[in-house]
Amino acid sequence: MIIDKRELETTLPKLEKIVVPAVEEFGLSLVDLEFVQEGGYLYVRVYVEKEDGDITLEDCAKLSQKIDEPVDMLIDHKFFLEVSSPGVERPLKKEKDFVRFSGEKIQVSLKRKLNDKKNFTGILEKFENDTVYLNVDSEVVEIPLKEIRKANIVFEFNEF
């Protein structure tokens, strides 16, 4: 089964109208919402967190139960509903994410080359005026938010 890309894109705002109120009802924050086709299967993926970071499996299960039926009524095709935390290498999507995770090591992939590179890893210095200030090897690179294709936190194991 192949779904038209437009159908995926037009369904996403409808999913948001179902998911966002439920997420807020449980005192969670929506990190990301995806409606994608991978390997012939459809997935609705809901990534949520608590501001303090203490999301539980029970939180995810309750949210999944709450949205399962209305999402099922919206989508006419067979799909898998996944509700989870964003993980330790959490994506950064919104302006508030870049503000909140200032000081963290992040990885950024760009839509177009900047300084002959499309990928940068460094310390997120600050976010200001729709620009990410990333310290890469002691040099601050200014990256316009609109040029970012993907950004996420880089998790590093601490050695004992």
N, C-alpha and C. Protein backbone atom coordinates (compact mmCIF):
# COMPACT_ATOMS: atom_id res chain seq x y z
N MET A 1 0.85 -1.17 0.00
CA MET A 1 0.00 0.00 0.00
C MET A 1 0.90 1.24 0.00
N ILE A 2 0.67 2.11 -0.96
CA ILE A 2 1.42 3.37 -1.03
C ILE A 2 0.43 4.52 -0.86
N ILE A 3 0.76 5.42 0.05
CA ILE A 3 -0.09 6.57 0.33
C ILE A 3 0.52 7.80 -0.32
N ASP A 4 -0.32 8.60 -0.91
CA ASP A 4 0.11 9.85 -1.53
C ASP A 4 0.72 10.77 -0.46
N LYS A 5 1.85 11.39 -0.77
CA LYS A 5 2.54 12.27 0.17
C LYS A 5 1.64 13.42 0.62
N ARG A 6 0.78 13.90 -0.29
CA ARG A 6 -0.15 14.99 0.09
C ARG A 6 -1.12 14.53 1.17
N GLU A 7 -1.55 13.27 1.09
CA GLU A 7 -2.46 12.76 2.11
C GLU A 7 -1.78 12.74 3.48
N LEU A 8 -0.51 12.35 3.50
CA LEU A 8 0.24 12.36 4.75
C LEU A 8 0.32 13.78 5.30
N GLU A 9 0.63 14.73 4.43
CA GLU A 9 0.80 16.12 4.85
C GLU A 9 -0.52 16.76 5.29
N THR A 10 -1.61 16.46 4.60
CA THR A 10 -2.89 17.08 4.97
C THR A 10 -3.51 16.43 6.21
N THR A 11 -3.11 15.21 6.51
CA THR A 11 -3.63 14.53 7.70
C THR A 11 -2.96 15.02 8.97
N LEU A 12 -1.72 15.46 8.86
CA LEU A 12 -0.95 15.87 10.04
C LEU A 12 -1.64 16.97 10.86
N PRO A 13 -2.15 18.05 10.26
CA PRO A 13 -2.84 19.07 11.07
C PRO A 13 -4.10 18.51 11.76
N LYS A 14 -4.76 17.58 11.11
CA LYS A 14 -5.94 16.96 11.73
C LYS A 14 -5.54 16.11 12.93
N LEU A 15 -4.40 15.44 12.80
CA LEU A 15 -3.88 14.66 13.93
C LEU A 15 -3.52 15.57 15.10
N GLU A 16 -2.93 16.71 14.79
CA GLU A 16 -2.56 17.67 15.84
C GLU A 16 -3.77 18.10 16.65
N LYS A 17 -4.91 18.29 15.98
CA LYS A 17 -6.13 18.71 16.69
C LYS A 17 -6.61 17.65 17.67
N ILE A 18 -6.27 16.41 17.42
CA ILE A 18 -6.63 15.32 18.33
C ILE A 18 -5.57 15.17 19.42
N VAL A 19 -4.31 15.19 19.01
CA VAL A 19 -3.21 14.87 19.92
C VAL A 19 -2.90 15.98 20.92
N VAL A 20 -2.82 17.23 20.46
CA VAL A 20 -2.38 18.33 21.33
C VAL A 20 -3.26 18.47 22.58
N PRO A 21 -4.60 18.50 22.46
CA PRO A 21 -5.40 18.62 23.69
C PRO A 21 -5.20 17.45 24.66
N ALA A 22 -5.04 16.25 24.12
CA ALA A 22 -4.82 15.08 24.98
C ALA A 22 -3.47 15.18 25.69
N VAL A 23 -2.46 15.60 24.96
CA VAL A 23 -1.12 15.77 25.54
C VAL A 23 -1.19 16.78 26.69
N GLU A 24 -1.85 17.90 26.45
CA GLU A 24 -1.96 18.93 27.47
C GLU A 24 -2.79 18.46 28.67
N GLU A 25 -3.83 17.67 28.40
CA GLU A 25 -4.67 17.13 29.48
C GLU A 25 -3.84 16.31 30.47
N PHE A 26 -2.83 15.60 29.97
CA PHE A 26 -1.99 14.77 30.83
C PHE A 26 -0.77 15.53 31.36
N GLY A 27 -0.70 16.83 31.11
CA GLY A 27 0.41 17.62 31.63
C GLY A 27 1.73 17.34 30.94
N LEU A 28 1.65 16.95 29.68
CA LEU A 28 2.84 16.63 28.91
C LEU A 28 3.09 17.73 27.88
N SER A 29 4.25 17.67 27.24
CA SER A 29 4.58 18.58 26.15
C SER A 29 4.81 17.76 24.89
N LEU A 30 4.25 18.23 23.78
CA LEU A 30 4.45 17.55 22.50
C LEU A 30 5.79 17.98 21.92
N VAL A 31 6.66 17.01 21.69
CA VAL A 31 7.97 17.27 21.10
C VAL A 31 7.87 17.18 19.59
N ASP A 32 7.19 16.15 19.11
CA ASP A 32 7.07 15.95 17.67
C ASP A 32 5.89 15.03 17.39
N LEU A 33 5.34 15.19 16.20
CA LEU A 33 4.24 14.36 15.72
C LEU A 33 4.54 14.03 14.27
N GLU A 34 4.54 12.75 13.95
CA GLU A 34 4.83 12.31 12.58
C GLU A 34 3.71 11.41 12.07
N PHE A 35 3.42 11.55 10.79
CA PHE A 35 2.56 10.60 10.09
C PHE A 35 3.35 10.23 8.85
N VAL A 36 3.96 9.05 8.88
CA VAL A 36 4.92 8.66 7.85
C VAL A 36 4.63 7.26 7.33
N GLN A 37 5.17 7.01 6.14
CA GLN A 37 5.11 5.67 5.57
C GLN A 37 6.54 5.16 5.47
N GLU A 38 6.78 4.00 6.05
CA GLU A 38 8.10 3.38 6.01
C GLU A 38 7.93 1.90 5.70
N GLY A 39 8.60 1.45 4.66
CA GLY A 39 8.56 0.03 4.33
C GLY A 39 7.17 -0.51 4.08
N GLY A 40 6.29 0.29 3.51
CA GLY A 40 4.95 -0.16 3.21
C GLY A 40 3.97 -0.07 4.37
N TYR A 41 4.43 0.38 5.52
CA TYR A 41 3.57 0.53 6.69
C TYR A 41 3.41 2.00 7.05
N LEU A 42 2.25 2.33 7.58
CA LEU A 42 1.99 3.69 8.05
C LEU A 42 2.20 3.77 9.56
N TYR A 43 2.78 4.88 9.99
CA TYR A 43 3.02 5.09 11.42
C TYR A 43 2.55 6.48 11.82
N VAL A 44 1.86 6.53 12.96
CA VAL A 44 1.60 7.79 13.64
C VAL A 44 2.49 7.74 14.87
N ARG A 45 3.46 8.65 14.90
CA ARG A 45 4.41 8.68 16.01
C ARG A 45 4.22 9.97 16.80
N VAL A 46 4.03 9.79 18.08
CA VAL A 46 3.82 10.92 18.99
C VAL A 46 4.96 10.88 20.01
N TYR A 47 5.75 11.95 20.03
CA TYR A 47 6.86 12.06 20.98
C TYR A 47 6.49 13.11 22.01
N VAL A 48 6.50 12.70 23.28
CA VAL A 48 6.09 13.59 24.37
C VAL A 48 7.13 13.57 25.48
N GLU A 49 7.07 14.62 26.28
CA GLU A 49 7.97 14.70 27.44
C GLU A 49 7.31 15.51 28.53
N LYS A 50 7.89 15.42 29.71
CA LYS A 50 7.55 16.32 30.80
C LYS A 50 8.71 17.28 30.91
N GLU A 51 8.41 18.50 31.29
CA GLU A 51 9.48 19.51 31.39
C GLU A 51 10.60 19.05 32.31
N ASP A 52 10.27 18.29 33.36
CA ASP A 52 11.31 17.83 34.29
C ASP A 52 12.02 16.57 33.78
N GLY A 53 11.55 16.05 32.65
CA GLY A 53 12.21 14.89 32.04
C GLY A 53 11.77 13.54 32.56
N ASP A 54 10.88 13.51 33.55
CA ASP A 54 10.49 12.24 34.17
C ASP A 54 9.26 11.61 33.53
N ILE A 55 9.29 11.36 32.24
CA ILE A 55 8.17 10.72 31.56
C ILE A 55 8.24 9.21 31.83
N THR A 56 7.09 8.60 32.02
CA THR A 56 7.07 7.17 32.32
C THR A 56 6.36 6.40 31.21
N LEU A 57 6.54 5.11 31.24
CA LEU A 57 5.84 4.23 30.31
C LEU A 57 4.33 4.36 30.52
N GLU A 58 3.93 4.52 31.77
CA GLU A 58 2.51 4.69 32.09
C GLU A 58 1.94 5.97 31.46
N ASP A 59 2.72 7.06 31.47
CA ASP A 59 2.29 8.31 30.82
C ASP A 59 2.02 8.06 29.34
N CYS A 60 2.95 7.36 28.68
CA CYS A 60 2.81 7.08 27.25
C CYS A 60 1.62 6.17 26.98
N ALA A 61 1.43 5.18 27.83
CA ALA A 61 0.32 4.24 27.65
C ALA A 61 -1.03 4.94 27.80
N LYS A 62 -1.15 5.81 28.80
CA LYS A 62 -2.41 6.54 29.02
C LYS A 62 -2.72 7.44 27.83
N LEU A 63 -1.71 8.13 27.32
CA LEU A 63 -1.93 9.00 26.17
C LEU A 63 -2.32 8.17 24.95
N SER A 64 -1.66 7.06 24.76
CA SER A 64 -1.97 6.19 23.62
C SER A 64 -3.43 5.72 23.68
N GLN A 65 -3.87 5.31 24.87
CA GLN A 65 -5.26 4.86 25.02
C GLN A 65 -6.24 6.00 24.75
N LYS A 66 -5.89 7.20 25.16
CA LYS A 66 -6.77 8.35 25.00
C LYS A 66 -6.96 8.72 23.53
N ILE A 67 -5.89 8.64 22.73
CA ILE A 67 -5.96 9.11 21.34
C ILE A 67 -6.19 8.00 20.33
N ASP A 68 -6.10 6.75 20.75
CA ASP A 68 -6.19 5.62 19.82
C ASP A 68 -7.47 5.64 18.98
N GLU A 69 -8.61 5.73 19.64
CA GLU A 69 -9.88 5.66 18.91
C GLU A 69 -10.10 6.87 17.98
N PRO A 70 -9.91 8.12 18.46
CA PRO A 70 -10.12 9.24 17.53
C PRO A 70 -9.14 9.25 16.36
N VAL A 71 -7.90 8.82 16.58
CA VAL A 71 -6.93 8.75 15.48
C VAL A 71 -7.35 7.66 14.50
N ASP A 72 -7.82 6.54 15.03
CA ASP A 72 -8.27 5.43 14.20
C ASP A 72 -9.46 5.85 13.33
N MET A 73 -10.33 6.69 13.87
CA MET A 73 -11.49 7.16 13.11
C MET A 73 -11.06 8.14 12.01
N LEU A 74 -9.96 8.83 12.22
CA LEU A 74 -9.48 9.81 11.25
C LEU A 74 -8.79 9.15 10.04
N ILE A 75 -8.04 8.10 10.30
CA ILE A 75 -7.22 7.49 9.25
C ILE A 75 -7.90 6.24 8.72
N ASP A 76 -8.12 6.21 7.41
CA ASP A 76 -8.84 5.11 6.77
C ASP A 76 -7.96 3.89 6.47
N HIS A 77 -6.68 4.01 6.70
CA HIS A 77 -5.75 2.92 6.38
C HIS A 77 -5.24 2.27 7.66
N LYS A 78 -4.70 1.07 7.53
CA LYS A 78 -4.09 0.41 8.67
C LYS A 78 -2.80 1.16 9.01
N PHE A 79 -2.58 1.41 10.31
CA PHE A 79 -1.39 2.13 10.75
C PHE A 79 -0.99 1.65 12.14
N PHE A 80 0.22 1.99 12.53
CA PHE A 80 0.71 1.71 13.86
C PHE A 80 0.82 3.01 14.62
N LEU A 81 0.27 3.05 15.83
CA LEU A 81 0.36 4.23 16.69
C LEU A 81 1.48 3.98 17.70
N GLU A 82 2.45 4.89 17.71
CA GLU A 82 3.57 4.79 18.65
C GLU A 82 3.61 6.07 19.48
N VAL A 83 3.58 5.92 20.79
CA VAL A 83 3.70 7.06 21.70
C VAL A 83 4.91 6.80 22.57
N SER A 84 5.86 7.73 22.57
CA SER A 84 7.08 7.52 23.33
C SER A 84 7.74 8.84 23.71
N SER A 85 8.76 8.73 24.52
CA SER A 85 9.59 9.90 24.81
C SER A 85 10.50 10.12 23.61
N PRO A 86 11.06 11.31 23.48
CA PRO A 86 11.94 11.56 22.34
C PRO A 86 13.32 10.93 22.48
N GLY A 87 13.64 10.41 23.65
CA GLY A 87 14.93 9.77 23.87
C GLY A 87 16.02 10.76 24.26
N VAL A 88 17.20 10.22 24.54
CA VAL A 88 18.29 11.07 25.02
C VAL A 88 18.85 11.96 23.91
N GLU A 89 18.72 11.55 22.67
CA GLU A 89 19.17 12.39 21.55
C GLU A 89 17.96 13.08 20.94
N ARG A 90 17.25 13.74 21.80
CA ARG A 90 16.00 14.42 21.51
C ARG A 90 16.14 15.40 20.34
N PRO A 91 15.17 15.40 19.43
CA PRO A 91 15.21 16.40 18.36
C PRO A 91 14.89 17.79 18.89
N LEU A 92 15.45 18.77 18.25
CA LEU A 92 15.14 20.17 18.55
C LEU A 92 14.36 20.70 17.36
N LYS A 93 13.12 21.07 17.57
CA LYS A 93 12.24 21.46 16.47
C LYS A 93 11.79 22.91 16.57
N LYS A 94 11.47 23.32 17.78
CA LYS A 94 10.86 24.63 17.98
C LYS A 94 11.87 25.61 18.57
N GLU A 95 11.56 26.89 18.42
CA GLU A 95 12.43 27.93 18.99
C GLU A 95 12.68 27.68 20.48
N LYS A 96 11.61 27.31 21.19
CA LYS A 96 11.75 27.12 22.64
C LYS A 96 12.69 25.96 22.97
N ASP A 97 12.81 24.97 22.06
CA ASP A 97 13.76 23.87 22.28
C ASP A 97 15.19 24.39 22.28
N PHE A 98 15.50 25.27 21.32
CA PHE A 98 16.85 25.81 21.22
C PHE A 98 17.18 26.71 22.41
N VAL A 99 16.18 27.41 22.93
CA VAL A 99 16.39 28.24 24.11
C VAL A 99 16.61 27.35 25.32
N ARG A 100 15.76 26.35 25.49
CA ARG A 100 15.80 25.47 26.65
C ARG A 100 17.09 24.68 26.75
N PHE A 101 17.64 24.26 25.63
CA PHE A 101 18.81 23.39 25.66
C PHE A 101 20.12 24.13 25.37
N SER A 102 20.11 25.42 25.63
CA SER A 102 21.33 26.22 25.54
C SER A 102 22.38 25.61 26.47
N GLY A 103 23.60 25.49 25.98
CA GLY A 103 24.68 24.89 26.76
C GLY A 103 24.90 23.42 26.47
N GLU A 104 23.98 22.80 25.75
CA GLU A 104 24.08 21.38 25.42
C GLU A 104 24.84 21.17 24.11
N LYS A 105 25.41 20.00 23.96
CA LYS A 105 26.05 19.62 22.70
C LYS A 105 24.95 19.16 21.74
N ILE A 106 24.94 19.73 20.54
CA ILE A 106 23.92 19.37 19.57
C ILE A 106 24.55 19.11 18.20
N GLN A 107 23.79 18.44 17.37
CA GLN A 107 24.16 18.20 15.99
C GLN A 107 23.11 18.85 15.11
N VAL A 108 23.56 19.54 14.06
CA VAL A 108 22.66 20.26 13.16
C VAL A 108 22.96 19.87 11.73
N SER A 109 21.91 19.51 10.97
CA SER A 109 22.03 19.27 9.54
C SER A 109 21.27 20.38 8.82
N LEU A 110 21.90 20.92 7.79
CA LEU A 110 21.33 22.07 7.09
C LEU A 110 20.73 21.68 5.75
N LYS A 111 19.85 22.54 5.27
CA LYS A 111 19.25 22.36 3.95
C LYS A 111 20.25 22.68 2.85
N ARG A 112 21.11 23.69 3.10
CA ARG A 112 22.14 24.10 2.15
C ARG A 112 23.46 24.27 2.89
N LYS A 113 24.53 24.26 2.15
CA LYS A 113 25.85 24.41 2.76
C LYS A 113 26.04 25.80 3.36
N LEU A 114 26.74 25.81 4.48
CA LEU A 114 27.16 27.02 5.16
C LEU A 114 28.63 26.82 5.48
N ASN A 115 29.48 27.71 5.02
CA ASN A 115 30.93 27.54 5.19
C ASN A 115 31.39 26.19 4.61
N ASP A 116 30.83 25.82 3.47
CA ASP A 116 31.16 24.57 2.77
C ASP A 116 30.79 23.31 3.53
N LYS A 117 29.88 23.40 4.52
CA LYS A 117 29.46 22.23 5.29
C LYS A 117 27.95 22.23 5.44
N LYS A 118 27.39 21.02 5.52
CA LYS A 118 25.95 20.89 5.78
C LYS A 118 25.67 20.34 7.18
N ASN A 119 26.70 19.82 7.85
CA ASN A 119 26.53 19.23 9.17
C ASN A 119 27.49 19.85 10.17
N PHE A 120 26.95 20.20 11.33
CA PHE A 120 27.76 20.82 12.38
C PHE A 120 27.43 20.15 13.71
N THR A 121 28.46 19.98 14.55
CA THR A 121 28.29 19.51 15.91
C THR A 121 29.04 20.46 16.82
N GLY A 122 28.36 20.92 17.87
CA GLY A 122 29.00 21.84 18.79
C GLY A 122 28.09 22.15 19.96
N ILE A 123 28.51 23.12 20.76
CA ILE A 123 27.75 23.53 21.94
C ILE A 123 26.80 24.65 21.53
N LEU A 124 25.54 24.46 21.86
CA LEU A 124 24.52 25.47 21.59
C LEU A 124 24.73 26.64 22.55
N GLU A 125 25.28 27.73 22.02
CA GLU A 125 25.59 28.91 22.84
C GLU A 125 24.30 29.64 23.22
N LYS A 126 23.48 29.93 22.21
CA LYS A 126 22.23 30.65 22.46
C LYS A 126 21.37 30.60 21.21
N PHE A 127 20.12 31.01 21.40
CA PHE A 127 19.19 31.17 20.27
C PHE A 127 18.64 32.58 20.39
N GLU A 128 18.77 33.33 19.30
CA GLU A 128 18.35 34.73 19.34
C GLU A 128 18.03 35.19 17.92
N ASN A 129 16.96 35.95 17.76
CA ASN A 129 16.57 36.50 16.46
C ASN A 129 16.52 35.44 15.35
N ASP A 130 15.85 34.33 15.64
CA ASP A 130 15.70 33.22 14.68
C ASP A 130 17.04 32.65 14.22
N THR A 131 18.06 32.76 15.06
CA THR A 131 19.40 32.26 14.72
C THR A 131 19.94 31.40 15.85
N VAL A 132 20.52 30.26 15.48
CA VAL A 132 21.20 29.37 16.41
C VAL A 132 22.68 29.74 16.41
N TYR A 133 23.22 29.97 17.59
CA TYR A 133 24.64 30.28 17.74
C TYR A 133 25.31 29.02 18.28
N LEU A 134 26.11 28.39 17.44
CA LEU A 134 26.70 27.09 17.76
C LEU A 134 28.22 27.22 17.85
N ASN A 135 28.78 26.85 19.00
CA ASN A 135 30.22 26.89 19.20
C ASN A 135 30.82 25.59 18.69
N VAL A 136 31.52 25.69 17.56
CA VAL A 136 32.15 24.53 16.94
C VAL A 136 33.66 24.76 17.01
N ASP A 137 34.33 23.97 17.85
CA ASP A 137 35.79 24.09 18.01
C ASP A 137 36.21 25.53 18.29
N SER A 138 35.57 26.16 19.25
CA SER A 138 35.87 27.52 19.71
C SER A 138 35.55 28.62 18.69
N GLU A 139 34.83 28.28 17.64
CA GLU A 139 34.37 29.29 16.68
C GLU A 139 32.85 29.25 16.67
N VAL A 140 32.21 30.41 16.83
CA VAL A 140 30.75 30.46 16.86
C VAL A 140 30.22 30.58 15.42
N VAL A 141 29.38 29.61 15.06
CA VAL A 141 28.75 29.60 13.75
C VAL A 141 27.31 30.05 13.94
N GLU A 142 26.88 31.02 13.14
CA GLU A 142 25.51 31.53 13.20
C GLU A 142 24.68 30.83 12.14
N ILE A 143 23.65 30.12 12.58
CA ILE A 143 22.83 29.32 11.67
C ILE A 143 21.39 29.80 11.73
N PRO A 144 20.87 30.34 10.63
CA PRO A 144 19.46 30.73 10.62
C PRO A 144 18.54 29.52 10.81
N LEU A 145 17.55 29.67 11.68
CA LEU A 145 16.64 28.57 11.97
C LEU A 145 16.00 28.01 10.71
N LYS A 146 15.65 28.87 9.77
CA LYS A 146 14.98 28.43 8.54
C LYS A 146 15.87 27.54 7.67
N GLU A 147 17.18 27.54 7.92
CA GLU A 147 18.11 26.71 7.14
C GLU A 147 18.35 25.34 7.75
N ILE A 148 17.80 25.10 8.95
CA ILE A 148 18.02 23.83 9.64
C ILE A 148 17.03 22.78 9.14
N ARG A 149 17.58 21.68 8.66
CA ARG A 149 16.77 20.55 8.22
C ARG A 149 16.45 19.66 9.41
N LYS A 150 17.47 19.46 10.28
CA LYS A 150 17.31 18.57 11.43
C LYS A 150 18.31 18.98 12.50
N ALA A 151 17.88 18.94 13.76
CA ALA A 151 18.78 19.22 14.87
C ALA A 151 18.41 18.31 16.04
N ASN A 152 19.42 17.86 16.77
CA ASN A 152 19.15 17.03 17.93
C ASN A 152 20.29 17.14 18.94
N ILE A 153 19.97 16.78 20.18
CA ILE A 153 20.97 16.74 21.24
C ILE A 153 21.89 15.56 20.99
N VAL A 154 23.16 15.73 21.32
CA VAL A 154 24.14 14.64 21.21
C VAL A 154 24.37 14.11 22.62
N PHE A 155 24.07 12.85 22.83
CA PHE A 155 24.26 12.23 24.13
C PHE A 155 25.68 11.70 24.22
N GLU A 156 26.34 11.98 25.33
CA GLU A 156 27.68 11.47 25.55
C GLU A 156 27.71 10.72 26.87
N PHE A 157 28.30 9.54 26.85
CA PHE A 157 28.47 8.77 28.08
C PHE A 157 29.56 9.40 28.92
N ASN A 158 29.31 9.53 30.21
CA ASN A 158 30.35 10.00 31.12
C ASN A 158 31.19 8.82 31.55
N GLU A 159 32.50 8.97 31.49
CA GLU A 159 33.39 7.90 31.95
C GLU A 159 33.51 7.99 33.46
N PHE A 160 33.62 6.83 34.08
CA PHE A 160 33.73 6.79 35.54
C PHE A 160 35.16 6.97 35.97
